[in-house]
Amino acid sequence: MSRLIGVYGAAGCGRGVMPLLRSQYRAPELVFIDDGQAPGYVNGHDILTWTDFLERQTDQKAVSIAIAASHIRQTLAEKCAAANIPLIEVRAASVVQMDEVVIEEGACLSPFVTLSSNIRIGRCFHANLYSYVEHDCIIGDFVTFAPGAKVNGNVTIGDHAYIGSGAIIRQGLTIGAGVIVGMGAVVTRDVPPGVTVVGNPAKPLIKD
C-alpha cells in the first residue's frame, strides 16, 4: 500500500520537520506542499502545490503543517479536514513523554522536548528544541513554543498563544488566548488574552 506524506510549508519550519519525518516514517513518499515555491525541489524532496498533492495517485495521504504562524496553521488544518486528509504527529526520537499525556492531532515535537505527566494539549501544537511542559498543564489549540520555552506545572495556555525562546512561565498561571510571551521573559502573573508581555518580571509591552 502506497502512502504520501506532505509537509505543508517548505521554509525553515518545514525543512526542520522533514528530517524528523524521514526518521519516523521510512516507507512513504515525502514531499513539501507550498503554493508559493512549487514546482521546486529542496533538500531531496519535491515541492508540490496543494492541487498537485491532492491529484497525486496514492493509497493514503497525510499532512504535517509546518507553518509557524498559528492562524495560518488553523486555516490549513481546516483545508485538510475539508479534503479528508488527516494530520499526523511529527515526533523526534529524543522526545520525553511521561504518564497520561493527551495530544490532539498534528503536533510537531522537535528534538529534546519534554512533556511531563497529566498534560492535555490541543491541535497542531508546535514545541521547538529543548522546550518543556511540566505536570498538570492544559494547552489550547495552535499553540507555539519557541526553542527553550519553559512552562511549569498547573499552567493553562489559551489557543494561538506564542511562548518565546527561553521564556519561563511560573507554576499555576493562566496565559490567555493569543498571548505573545517575548524571548527570555519570566512570567510571574496571569496574562489576559491578546496581550504581549516582555522582560523579567514580564510586563505588558507598551508600544510607542
N, C-alpha and C. Protein backbone atom coordinates (compact mmCIF):
# COMPACT_ATOMS: atom_id res chain seq x y z
N MET A 1 0.85 -1.20 0.00
CA MET A 1 0.00 0.00 0.00
C MET A 1 0.88 1.24 0.00
N SER A 2 0.66 2.14 -0.96
CA SER A 2 1.49 3.35 -1.07
C SER A 2 0.94 4.45 -0.17
N ARG A 3 1.84 5.28 0.34
CA ARG A 3 1.44 6.38 1.22
C ARG A 3 2.25 7.62 0.88
N LEU A 4 1.57 8.75 0.83
CA LEU A 4 2.19 10.04 0.54
C LEU A 4 1.98 10.96 1.74
N ILE A 5 3.08 11.51 2.26
CA ILE A 5 3.01 12.46 3.37
C ILE A 5 3.56 13.79 2.91
N GLY A 6 2.78 14.84 3.11
CA GLY A 6 3.19 16.18 2.73
C GLY A 6 3.49 17.04 3.93
N VAL A 7 4.60 17.74 3.89
CA VAL A 7 4.93 18.76 4.88
C VAL A 7 4.46 20.09 4.32
N TYR A 8 3.44 20.67 4.94
CA TYR A 8 2.88 21.92 4.42
C TYR A 8 3.76 23.08 4.87
N GLY A 9 4.53 23.62 3.91
CA GLY A 9 5.48 24.69 4.18
C GLY A 9 6.89 24.23 3.90
N ALA A 10 7.54 24.86 2.91
CA ALA A 10 8.90 24.47 2.51
C ALA A 10 9.94 25.47 3.01
N ALA A 11 9.56 26.36 3.93
CA ALA A 11 10.51 27.31 4.51
C ALA A 11 11.22 26.65 5.70
N GLY A 12 11.78 27.48 6.59
CA GLY A 12 12.63 26.95 7.65
C GLY A 12 11.95 25.94 8.55
N CYS A 13 10.71 26.22 8.94
CA CYS A 13 10.00 25.30 9.83
C CYS A 13 9.81 23.95 9.14
N GLY A 14 9.37 23.96 7.91
CA GLY A 14 9.16 22.72 7.18
C GLY A 14 10.45 21.94 6.96
N ARG A 15 11.53 22.66 6.66
CA ARG A 15 12.81 21.98 6.44
C ARG A 15 13.37 21.40 7.74
N GLY A 16 12.90 21.90 8.89
CA GLY A 16 13.26 21.29 10.16
C GLY A 16 12.43 20.06 10.48
N VAL A 17 11.19 20.05 9.99
CA VAL A 17 10.29 18.93 10.25
C VAL A 17 10.60 17.73 9.36
N MET A 18 10.97 17.97 8.11
CA MET A 18 11.15 16.88 7.16
C MET A 18 12.13 15.80 7.62
N PRO A 19 13.31 16.14 8.17
CA PRO A 19 14.21 15.07 8.62
C PRO A 19 13.61 14.21 9.73
N LEU A 20 12.77 14.80 10.57
CA LEU A 20 12.11 14.02 11.61
C LEU A 20 11.14 13.02 10.99
N LEU A 21 10.41 13.46 9.96
CA LEU A 21 9.51 12.54 9.26
C LEU A 21 10.28 11.41 8.58
N ARG A 22 11.44 11.72 8.00
CA ARG A 22 12.22 10.67 7.35
C ARG A 22 12.62 9.59 8.34
N SER A 23 12.92 9.98 9.57
CA SER A 23 13.29 9.01 10.59
C SER A 23 12.08 8.26 11.13
N GLN A 24 10.95 8.95 11.20
CA GLN A 24 9.75 8.38 11.82
C GLN A 24 8.98 7.48 10.87
N TYR A 25 8.90 7.85 9.60
CA TYR A 25 8.14 7.11 8.60
C TYR A 25 9.07 6.77 7.44
N ARG A 26 9.57 5.56 7.40
CA ARG A 26 10.61 5.22 6.43
C ARG A 26 10.05 4.81 5.07
N ALA A 27 8.83 4.29 5.02
CA ALA A 27 8.31 3.75 3.77
C ALA A 27 7.68 4.78 2.84
N PRO A 28 6.94 5.80 3.34
CA PRO A 28 6.16 6.63 2.41
C PRO A 28 7.01 7.57 1.57
N GLU A 29 6.37 8.07 0.51
CA GLU A 29 6.93 9.18 -0.25
C GLU A 29 6.69 10.47 0.54
N LEU A 30 7.74 11.28 0.68
CA LEU A 30 7.66 12.52 1.45
C LEU A 30 7.88 13.71 0.52
N VAL A 31 6.97 14.68 0.59
CA VAL A 31 7.06 15.87 -0.26
C VAL A 31 6.74 17.10 0.58
N PHE A 32 7.15 18.25 0.08
CA PHE A 32 6.71 19.53 0.62
C PHE A 32 5.48 20.00 -0.16
N ILE A 33 4.61 20.74 0.52
CA ILE A 33 3.48 21.42 -0.12
C ILE A 33 3.66 22.91 0.10
N ASP A 34 3.75 23.66 -0.97
CA ASP A 34 3.96 25.10 -0.83
C ASP A 34 3.60 25.76 -2.16
N ASP A 35 2.42 26.38 -2.20
CA ASP A 35 1.98 27.00 -3.46
C ASP A 35 2.90 28.12 -3.90
N GLY A 36 3.58 28.77 -2.96
CA GLY A 36 4.46 29.88 -3.30
C GLY A 36 5.80 29.46 -3.86
N GLN A 37 6.22 28.20 -3.62
CA GLN A 37 7.53 27.75 -4.08
C GLN A 37 7.45 26.63 -5.12
N ALA A 38 6.26 26.09 -5.34
CA ALA A 38 6.12 24.99 -6.30
C ALA A 38 5.99 25.52 -7.73
N PRO A 39 6.41 24.72 -8.73
CA PRO A 39 7.13 23.46 -8.54
C PRO A 39 8.58 23.73 -8.17
N GLY A 40 9.14 22.82 -7.41
CA GLY A 40 10.51 23.01 -6.98
C GLY A 40 11.04 21.76 -6.31
N TYR A 41 12.20 21.92 -5.69
CA TYR A 41 12.90 20.78 -5.10
C TYR A 41 13.82 21.33 -4.02
N VAL A 42 13.76 20.78 -2.81
CA VAL A 42 14.63 21.25 -1.75
C VAL A 42 14.98 20.10 -0.82
N ASN A 43 16.24 20.01 -0.45
CA ASN A 43 16.73 19.01 0.50
C ASN A 43 16.28 17.59 0.14
N GLY A 44 16.26 17.31 -1.16
CA GLY A 44 15.96 15.96 -1.61
C GLY A 44 14.50 15.64 -1.80
N HIS A 45 13.61 16.64 -1.71
CA HIS A 45 12.18 16.38 -1.81
C HIS A 45 11.50 17.36 -2.76
N ASP A 46 10.53 16.85 -3.51
CA ASP A 46 9.74 17.70 -4.40
C ASP A 46 8.90 18.69 -3.60
N ILE A 47 8.66 19.85 -4.19
CA ILE A 47 7.70 20.83 -3.66
C ILE A 47 6.51 20.84 -4.60
N LEU A 48 5.34 20.51 -4.05
CA LEU A 48 4.12 20.45 -4.83
C LEU A 48 3.17 21.57 -4.42
N THR A 49 2.30 21.95 -5.34
CA THR A 49 1.16 22.78 -4.94
C THR A 49 0.15 21.89 -4.21
N TRP A 50 -0.78 22.53 -3.51
CA TRP A 50 -1.83 21.79 -2.84
C TRP A 50 -2.64 20.97 -3.87
N THR A 51 -2.94 21.58 -5.00
CA THR A 51 -3.70 20.87 -6.03
C THR A 51 -2.94 19.65 -6.52
N ASP A 52 -1.64 19.80 -6.77
CA ASP A 52 -0.83 18.67 -7.23
C ASP A 52 -0.77 17.57 -6.17
N PHE A 53 -0.68 17.98 -4.91
CA PHE A 53 -0.67 16.99 -3.82
C PHE A 53 -1.97 16.19 -3.82
N LEU A 54 -3.09 16.88 -3.97
CA LEU A 54 -4.39 16.20 -3.98
C LEU A 54 -4.51 15.25 -5.17
N GLU A 55 -3.92 15.64 -6.31
CA GLU A 55 -4.06 14.84 -7.53
C GLU A 55 -3.07 13.68 -7.62
N ARG A 56 -2.04 13.70 -6.79
CA ARG A 56 -1.03 12.62 -6.83
C ARG A 56 -1.70 11.29 -6.46
N GLN A 57 -1.51 10.29 -7.28
CA GLN A 57 -2.15 8.98 -7.07
C GLN A 57 -1.40 8.18 -6.01
N THR A 58 -2.14 7.82 -4.95
CA THR A 58 -1.57 7.03 -3.86
C THR A 58 -2.72 6.45 -3.05
N ASP A 59 -2.44 5.41 -2.28
CA ASP A 59 -3.49 4.78 -1.49
C ASP A 59 -3.88 5.61 -0.27
N GLN A 60 -2.89 6.22 0.37
CA GLN A 60 -3.14 7.01 1.57
C GLN A 60 -2.36 8.31 1.50
N LYS A 61 -2.94 9.37 2.11
CA LYS A 61 -2.25 10.65 2.21
C LYS A 61 -2.39 11.19 3.63
N ALA A 62 -1.40 11.97 4.03
CA ALA A 62 -1.46 12.65 5.32
C ALA A 62 -0.59 13.89 5.23
N VAL A 63 -0.81 14.83 6.16
CA VAL A 63 -0.11 16.11 6.13
C VAL A 63 0.40 16.46 7.52
N SER A 64 1.59 17.06 7.56
CA SER A 64 2.09 17.76 8.74
C SER A 64 2.17 19.24 8.39
N ILE A 65 1.56 20.08 9.21
CA ILE A 65 1.55 21.52 8.93
C ILE A 65 2.73 22.17 9.65
N ALA A 66 3.73 22.57 8.88
CA ALA A 66 4.96 23.14 9.43
C ALA A 66 5.01 24.63 9.12
N ILE A 67 4.05 25.36 9.66
CA ILE A 67 3.93 26.80 9.47
C ILE A 67 3.95 27.44 10.85
N ALA A 68 4.84 28.40 11.07
CA ALA A 68 4.98 28.99 12.39
C ALA A 68 3.76 29.82 12.78
N ALA A 69 3.17 30.55 11.84
CA ALA A 69 2.04 31.42 12.14
C ALA A 69 0.81 30.58 12.49
N SER A 70 0.31 30.74 13.72
CA SER A 70 -0.72 29.82 14.21
C SER A 70 -2.04 29.96 13.48
N HIS A 71 -2.43 31.17 13.07
CA HIS A 71 -3.71 31.32 12.39
C HIS A 71 -3.65 30.72 10.98
N ILE A 72 -2.49 30.76 10.35
CA ILE A 72 -2.33 30.07 9.06
C ILE A 72 -2.39 28.56 9.29
N ARG A 73 -1.78 28.07 10.37
CA ARG A 73 -1.88 26.65 10.70
C ARG A 73 -3.35 26.23 10.81
N GLN A 74 -4.16 27.06 11.47
CA GLN A 74 -5.57 26.72 11.62
C GLN A 74 -6.27 26.69 10.27
N THR A 75 -6.00 27.67 9.42
CA THR A 75 -6.61 27.70 8.09
C THR A 75 -6.25 26.46 7.29
N LEU A 76 -4.98 26.07 7.35
CA LEU A 76 -4.54 24.88 6.61
C LEU A 76 -5.11 23.60 7.21
N ALA A 77 -5.25 23.56 8.53
CA ALA A 77 -5.87 22.39 9.17
C ALA A 77 -7.31 22.24 8.69
N GLU A 78 -8.01 23.35 8.57
CA GLU A 78 -9.39 23.31 8.08
C GLU A 78 -9.43 22.88 6.62
N LYS A 79 -8.45 23.32 5.83
CA LYS A 79 -8.37 22.90 4.43
C LYS A 79 -8.14 21.39 4.32
N CYS A 80 -7.26 20.86 5.16
CA CYS A 80 -7.01 19.42 5.15
C CYS A 80 -8.25 18.65 5.57
N ALA A 81 -8.95 19.15 6.59
CA ALA A 81 -10.16 18.47 7.05
C ALA A 81 -11.22 18.45 5.94
N ALA A 82 -11.35 19.56 5.22
CA ALA A 82 -12.33 19.62 4.14
C ALA A 82 -12.01 18.63 3.03
N ALA A 83 -10.73 18.32 2.85
CA ALA A 83 -10.30 17.37 1.82
C ALA A 83 -10.18 15.95 2.37
N ASN A 84 -10.57 15.74 3.64
CA ASN A 84 -10.49 14.43 4.30
C ASN A 84 -9.07 13.88 4.34
N ILE A 85 -8.11 14.79 4.53
CA ILE A 85 -6.71 14.39 4.66
C ILE A 85 -6.31 14.53 6.13
N PRO A 86 -5.91 13.44 6.79
CA PRO A 86 -5.58 13.51 8.21
C PRO A 86 -4.27 14.24 8.47
N LEU A 87 -4.19 14.83 9.64
CA LEU A 87 -2.96 15.44 10.11
C LEU A 87 -2.20 14.41 10.96
N ILE A 88 -0.90 14.36 10.78
CA ILE A 88 -0.10 13.40 11.53
C ILE A 88 0.79 14.14 12.52
N GLU A 89 1.19 13.41 13.55
CA GLU A 89 2.13 13.95 14.53
C GLU A 89 3.56 13.68 14.07
N VAL A 90 4.41 14.67 14.22
CA VAL A 90 5.84 14.52 13.97
C VAL A 90 6.54 14.56 15.32
N ARG A 91 7.36 13.55 15.59
CA ARG A 91 7.96 13.43 16.91
C ARG A 91 9.41 12.97 16.78
N ALA A 92 10.33 13.77 17.30
CA ALA A 92 11.74 13.36 17.33
C ALA A 92 11.92 12.19 18.27
N ALA A 93 12.92 11.36 17.97
CA ALA A 93 13.18 10.18 18.80
C ALA A 93 13.58 10.56 20.23
N SER A 94 14.13 11.76 20.41
CA SER A 94 14.61 12.19 21.73
C SER A 94 13.53 12.84 22.59
N VAL A 95 12.30 12.94 22.11
CA VAL A 95 11.22 13.50 22.92
C VAL A 95 10.97 12.61 24.13
N VAL A 96 10.81 13.23 25.30
CA VAL A 96 10.47 12.51 26.52
C VAL A 96 9.02 12.79 26.85
N GLN A 97 8.22 11.74 26.95
CA GLN A 97 6.81 11.88 27.32
C GLN A 97 6.52 10.95 28.50
N MET A 98 5.96 11.51 29.56
CA MET A 98 5.71 10.72 30.77
C MET A 98 4.26 10.24 30.79
N ASP A 99 3.63 10.15 31.96
CA ASP A 99 2.34 9.48 32.09
C ASP A 99 1.17 10.41 31.77
N GLU A 100 0.12 9.81 31.17
CA GLU A 100 -1.18 10.46 30.99
C GLU A 100 -1.07 11.81 30.26
N VAL A 101 -0.41 11.77 29.13
CA VAL A 101 -0.30 12.94 28.26
C VAL A 101 -1.19 12.72 27.05
N VAL A 102 -2.11 13.63 26.82
CA VAL A 102 -3.01 13.55 25.67
C VAL A 102 -2.68 14.69 24.72
N ILE A 103 -2.38 14.35 23.46
CA ILE A 103 -2.03 15.34 22.45
C ILE A 103 -2.97 15.16 21.27
N GLU A 104 -3.64 16.23 20.88
CA GLU A 104 -4.52 16.16 19.73
C GLU A 104 -3.71 16.12 18.43
N GLU A 105 -4.39 16.01 17.31
CA GLU A 105 -3.74 15.76 16.02
C GLU A 105 -2.82 16.90 15.60
N GLY A 106 -1.79 16.51 14.82
CA GLY A 106 -0.99 17.49 14.10
C GLY A 106 0.16 18.11 14.85
N ALA A 107 0.56 17.57 15.99
CA ALA A 107 1.67 18.15 16.76
C ALA A 107 3.00 17.98 16.04
N CYS A 108 3.90 18.95 16.22
CA CYS A 108 5.29 18.85 15.78
C CYS A 108 6.17 18.99 17.01
N LEU A 109 6.81 17.89 17.40
CA LEU A 109 7.62 17.84 18.61
C LEU A 109 9.08 17.68 18.22
N SER A 110 9.85 18.74 18.41
CA SER A 110 11.25 18.80 17.98
C SER A 110 12.15 18.02 18.94
N PRO A 111 13.42 17.84 18.56
CA PRO A 111 14.34 17.13 19.45
C PRO A 111 14.44 17.75 20.84
N PHE A 112 14.52 16.85 21.83
CA PHE A 112 14.77 17.19 23.23
C PHE A 112 13.62 17.95 23.89
N VAL A 113 12.43 17.79 23.36
CA VAL A 113 11.23 18.30 24.04
C VAL A 113 10.87 17.34 25.16
N THR A 114 10.42 17.89 26.30
CA THR A 114 9.98 17.08 27.43
C THR A 114 8.55 17.42 27.79
N LEU A 115 7.72 16.40 27.88
CA LEU A 115 6.33 16.53 28.30
C LEU A 115 6.17 15.69 29.57
N SER A 116 5.98 16.34 30.69
CA SER A 116 5.85 15.63 31.96
C SER A 116 4.46 14.98 32.03
N SER A 117 3.95 14.72 33.22
CA SER A 117 2.75 13.89 33.39
C SER A 117 1.46 14.71 33.48
N ASN A 118 0.35 14.03 33.08
CA ASN A 118 -1.00 14.57 33.24
C ASN A 118 -1.17 15.93 32.54
N ILE A 119 -0.93 15.90 31.25
CA ILE A 119 -0.97 17.11 30.42
C ILE A 119 -2.02 16.91 29.32
N ARG A 120 -2.72 17.97 28.97
CA ARG A 120 -3.65 17.95 27.85
C ARG A 120 -3.23 19.03 26.86
N ILE A 121 -3.02 18.63 25.61
CA ILE A 121 -2.51 19.54 24.58
C ILE A 121 -3.44 19.50 23.38
N GLY A 122 -3.78 20.67 22.83
CA GLY A 122 -4.71 20.78 21.72
C GLY A 122 -4.08 20.51 20.37
N ARG A 123 -4.81 20.87 19.32
CA ARG A 123 -4.43 20.57 17.94
C ARG A 123 -3.23 21.39 17.48
N CYS A 124 -2.44 20.75 16.61
CA CYS A 124 -1.34 21.42 15.88
C CYS A 124 -0.42 22.19 16.80
N PHE A 125 -0.03 21.58 17.89
CA PHE A 125 0.93 22.14 18.84
C PHE A 125 2.33 22.07 18.23
N HIS A 126 3.08 23.17 18.32
CA HIS A 126 4.48 23.19 17.89
C HIS A 126 5.36 23.39 19.12
N ALA A 127 6.20 22.41 19.40
CA ALA A 127 7.15 22.50 20.51
C ALA A 127 8.55 22.41 19.92
N ASN A 128 9.27 23.51 19.97
CA ASN A 128 10.60 23.56 19.37
C ASN A 128 11.68 23.04 20.32
N LEU A 129 12.91 23.00 19.83
CA LEU A 129 14.05 22.39 20.51
C LEU A 129 14.13 22.77 22.00
N TYR A 130 14.28 21.75 22.84
CA TYR A 130 14.56 21.91 24.27
C TYR A 130 13.45 22.62 25.04
N SER A 131 12.25 22.71 24.50
CA SER A 131 11.15 23.27 25.28
C SER A 131 10.56 22.18 26.17
N TYR A 132 9.87 22.61 27.23
CA TYR A 132 9.25 21.61 28.09
C TYR A 132 7.91 22.09 28.64
N VAL A 133 7.06 21.08 28.97
CA VAL A 133 5.77 21.31 29.61
C VAL A 133 5.75 20.45 30.86
N GLU A 134 5.56 21.08 32.01
CA GLU A 134 5.52 20.32 33.26
C GLU A 134 4.12 19.78 33.55
N HIS A 135 3.97 19.13 34.69
CA HIS A 135 2.78 18.37 35.06
C HIS A 135 1.51 19.23 35.11
N ASP A 136 0.39 18.60 34.82
CA ASP A 136 -0.95 19.16 35.02
C ASP A 136 -1.21 20.45 34.24
N CYS A 137 -0.57 20.59 33.09
CA CYS A 137 -0.84 21.75 32.24
C CYS A 137 -1.96 21.45 31.25
N ILE A 138 -2.66 22.50 30.85
CA ILE A 138 -3.66 22.42 29.80
C ILE A 138 -3.29 23.44 28.74
N ILE A 139 -3.07 22.97 27.52
CA ILE A 139 -2.61 23.82 26.44
C ILE A 139 -3.63 23.76 25.30
N GLY A 140 -4.01 24.93 24.78
CA GLY A 140 -5.05 25.01 23.77
C GLY A 140 -4.58 24.62 22.38
N ASP A 141 -5.39 24.96 21.39
CA ASP A 141 -5.10 24.64 20.00
C ASP A 141 -4.15 25.67 19.38
N PHE A 142 -3.28 25.19 18.48
CA PHE A 142 -2.42 26.04 17.65
C PHE A 142 -1.47 26.91 18.51
N VAL A 143 -0.99 26.31 19.57
CA VAL A 143 -0.03 26.98 20.46
C VAL A 143 1.38 26.68 19.96
N THR A 144 2.28 27.66 20.10
CA THR A 144 3.68 27.52 19.67
C THR A 144 4.61 27.78 20.84
N PHE A 145 5.54 26.86 21.05
CA PHE A 145 6.66 27.06 21.97
C PHE A 145 7.92 27.23 21.14
N ALA A 146 8.59 28.36 21.26
CA ALA A 146 9.89 28.58 20.61
C ALA A 146 10.96 27.77 21.35
N PRO A 147 12.17 27.66 20.78
CA PRO A 147 13.21 26.87 21.43
C PRO A 147 13.46 27.30 22.88
N GLY A 148 13.54 26.30 23.75
CA GLY A 148 13.87 26.56 25.15
C GLY A 148 12.76 27.15 25.98
N ALA A 149 11.52 27.19 25.50
CA ALA A 149 10.40 27.69 26.30
C ALA A 149 10.15 26.74 27.47
N LYS A 150 9.90 27.31 28.64
CA LYS A 150 9.78 26.52 29.86
C LYS A 150 8.45 26.84 30.53
N VAL A 151 7.57 25.85 30.59
CA VAL A 151 6.25 26.03 31.18
C VAL A 151 6.13 25.09 32.37
N ASN A 152 6.01 25.65 33.56
CA ASN A 152 5.98 24.85 34.77
C ASN A 152 4.57 24.34 35.07
N GLY A 153 4.40 23.63 36.17
CA GLY A 153 3.19 22.86 36.42
C GLY A 153 1.94 23.69 36.62
N ASN A 154 0.78 23.06 36.32
CA ASN A 154 -0.54 23.65 36.55
C ASN A 154 -0.74 24.98 35.82
N VAL A 155 -0.19 25.08 34.63
CA VAL A 155 -0.37 26.28 33.80
C VAL A 155 -1.42 25.98 32.74
N THR A 156 -2.29 26.94 32.49
CA THR A 156 -3.27 26.85 31.41
C THR A 156 -2.92 27.89 30.35
N ILE A 157 -2.83 27.44 29.10
CA ILE A 157 -2.45 28.31 27.99
C ILE A 157 -3.55 28.26 26.93
N GLY A 158 -4.05 29.44 26.53
CA GLY A 158 -5.14 29.52 25.57
C GLY A 158 -4.70 29.31 24.13
N ASP A 159 -5.69 29.16 23.26
CA ASP A 159 -5.44 28.94 21.83
C ASP A 159 -4.57 30.05 21.23
N HIS A 160 -3.71 29.65 20.30
CA HIS A 160 -2.90 30.58 19.49
C HIS A 160 -1.87 31.36 20.31
N ALA A 161 -1.59 30.96 21.53
CA ALA A 161 -0.54 31.63 22.30
C ALA A 161 0.83 31.28 21.73
N TYR A 162 1.77 32.20 21.91
CA TYR A 162 3.15 32.02 21.46
C TYR A 162 4.07 32.26 22.65
N ILE A 163 4.87 31.25 22.99
CA ILE A 163 5.81 31.35 24.11
C ILE A 163 7.22 31.44 23.53
N GLY A 164 7.87 32.59 23.72
CA GLY A 164 9.14 32.87 23.04
C GLY A 164 10.32 32.08 23.55
N SER A 165 11.41 32.15 22.81
CA SER A 165 12.64 31.40 23.13
C SER A 165 13.13 31.74 24.54
N GLY A 166 13.35 30.70 25.33
CA GLY A 166 13.92 30.88 26.66
C GLY A 166 12.97 31.48 27.68
N ALA A 167 11.71 31.70 27.32
CA ALA A 167 10.75 32.25 28.27
C ALA A 167 10.43 31.23 29.36
N ILE A 168 10.10 31.73 30.54
CA ILE A 168 9.74 30.88 31.67
C ILE A 168 8.38 31.31 32.19
N ILE A 169 7.48 30.35 32.37
CA ILE A 169 6.16 30.64 32.94
C ILE A 169 6.05 29.96 34.29
N ARG A 170 5.80 30.74 35.31
CA ARG A 170 5.73 30.24 36.68
C ARG A 170 4.55 29.28 36.84
N GLN A 171 4.69 28.40 37.80
CA GLN A 171 3.65 27.42 38.08
C GLN A 171 2.32 28.09 38.45
N GLY A 172 1.22 27.48 37.97
CA GLY A 172 -0.10 27.85 38.40
C GLY A 172 -0.74 29.02 37.68
N LEU A 173 -0.15 29.51 36.62
CA LEU A 173 -0.67 30.70 35.93
C LEU A 173 -1.63 30.35 34.81
N THR A 174 -2.39 31.37 34.38
CA THR A 174 -3.25 31.27 33.21
C THR A 174 -2.76 32.26 32.17
N ILE A 175 -2.46 31.75 30.98
CA ILE A 175 -2.00 32.55 29.85
C ILE A 175 -3.13 32.55 28.82
N GLY A 176 -3.68 33.73 28.53
CA GLY A 176 -4.87 33.81 27.70
C GLY A 176 -4.63 33.51 26.23
N ALA A 177 -5.72 33.35 25.52
CA ALA A 177 -5.66 33.08 24.08
C ALA A 177 -4.97 34.23 23.35
N GLY A 178 -4.12 33.89 22.38
CA GLY A 178 -3.46 34.89 21.57
C GLY A 178 -2.35 35.66 22.25
N VAL A 179 -1.97 35.27 23.43
CA VAL A 179 -0.88 35.95 24.15
C VAL A 179 0.45 35.69 23.45
N ILE A 180 1.31 36.70 23.43
CA ILE A 180 2.71 36.54 23.00
C ILE A 180 3.60 36.79 24.20
N VAL A 181 4.40 35.80 24.53
CA VAL A 181 5.39 35.93 25.60
C VAL A 181 6.75 36.11 24.94
N GLY A 182 7.39 37.25 25.19
CA GLY A 182 8.63 37.59 24.50
C GLY A 182 9.80 36.70 24.87
N MET A 183 10.82 36.74 24.04
CA MET A 183 12.04 35.96 24.25
C MET A 183 12.64 36.27 25.62
N GLY A 184 12.90 35.22 26.38
CA GLY A 184 13.56 35.37 27.68
C GLY A 184 12.70 35.95 28.78
N ALA A 185 11.43 36.16 28.53
CA ALA A 185 10.55 36.74 29.56
C ALA A 185 10.35 35.75 30.71
N VAL A 186 10.16 36.30 31.92
CA VAL A 186 9.84 35.49 33.09
C VAL A 186 8.45 35.91 33.56
N VAL A 187 7.48 35.03 33.33
CA VAL A 187 6.08 35.37 33.59
C VAL A 187 5.72 34.93 35.00
N THR A 188 5.33 35.89 35.84
CA THR A 188 5.02 35.61 37.25
C THR A 188 3.57 35.89 37.60
N ARG A 189 2.79 36.38 36.62
CA ARG A 189 1.38 36.67 36.85
C ARG A 189 0.57 36.20 35.66
N ASP A 190 -0.74 36.01 35.87
CA ASP A 190 -1.62 35.69 34.77
C ASP A 190 -1.53 36.75 33.69
N VAL A 191 -1.73 36.33 32.42
CA VAL A 191 -1.70 37.25 31.29
C VAL A 191 -3.05 37.20 30.57
N PRO A 192 -3.74 38.34 30.45
CA PRO A 192 -5.05 38.35 29.77
C PRO A 192 -4.92 38.03 28.29
N PRO A 193 -6.00 37.60 27.67
CA PRO A 193 -5.97 37.28 26.23
C PRO A 193 -5.47 38.45 25.39
N GLY A 194 -4.68 38.11 24.37
CA GLY A 194 -4.26 39.08 23.37
C GLY A 194 -3.14 40.02 23.77
N VAL A 195 -2.58 39.86 24.96
CA VAL A 195 -1.55 40.78 25.47
C VAL A 195 -0.17 40.23 25.11
N THR A 196 0.78 41.12 24.81
CA THR A 196 2.19 40.77 24.64
C THR A 196 2.94 41.18 25.89
N VAL A 197 3.69 40.25 26.48
CA VAL A 197 4.48 40.56 27.68
C VAL A 197 5.96 40.30 27.41
N VAL A 198 6.81 41.13 28.00
CA VAL A 198 8.25 41.03 27.82
C VAL A 198 8.93 41.33 29.15
N GLY A 199 10.18 40.88 29.27
CA GLY A 199 11.01 41.28 30.40
C GLY A 199 10.97 40.33 31.58
N ASN A 200 11.72 40.70 32.63
CA ASN A 200 11.84 39.92 33.86
C ASN A 200 11.74 40.85 35.07
N PRO A 201 10.60 40.83 35.80
CA PRO A 201 9.40 40.03 35.51
C PRO A 201 8.66 40.57 34.31
N ALA A 202 7.91 39.69 33.66
CA ALA A 202 7.24 40.07 32.42
C ALA A 202 6.15 41.11 32.67
N LYS A 203 6.11 42.11 31.80
CA LYS A 203 5.09 43.18 31.86
C LYS A 203 4.55 43.42 30.46
N PRO A 204 3.33 43.95 30.36
CA PRO A 204 2.79 44.23 29.03
C PRO A 204 3.68 45.17 28.22
N LEU A 205 3.84 44.85 26.96
CA LEU A 205 4.63 45.67 26.06
C LEU A 205 3.88 46.97 25.76
N ILE A 206 4.55 48.09 25.97
CA ILE A 206 3.97 49.40 25.67
C ILE A 206 4.57 49.87 24.36
N LYS A 207 3.72 50.04 23.36
CA LYS A 207 4.20 50.45 22.04
C LYS A 207 4.24 51.98 21.96
N ASP A 208 5.30 52.49 21.35
CA ASP A 208 5.44 53.94 21.19
C ASP A 208 4.43 54.47 20.18
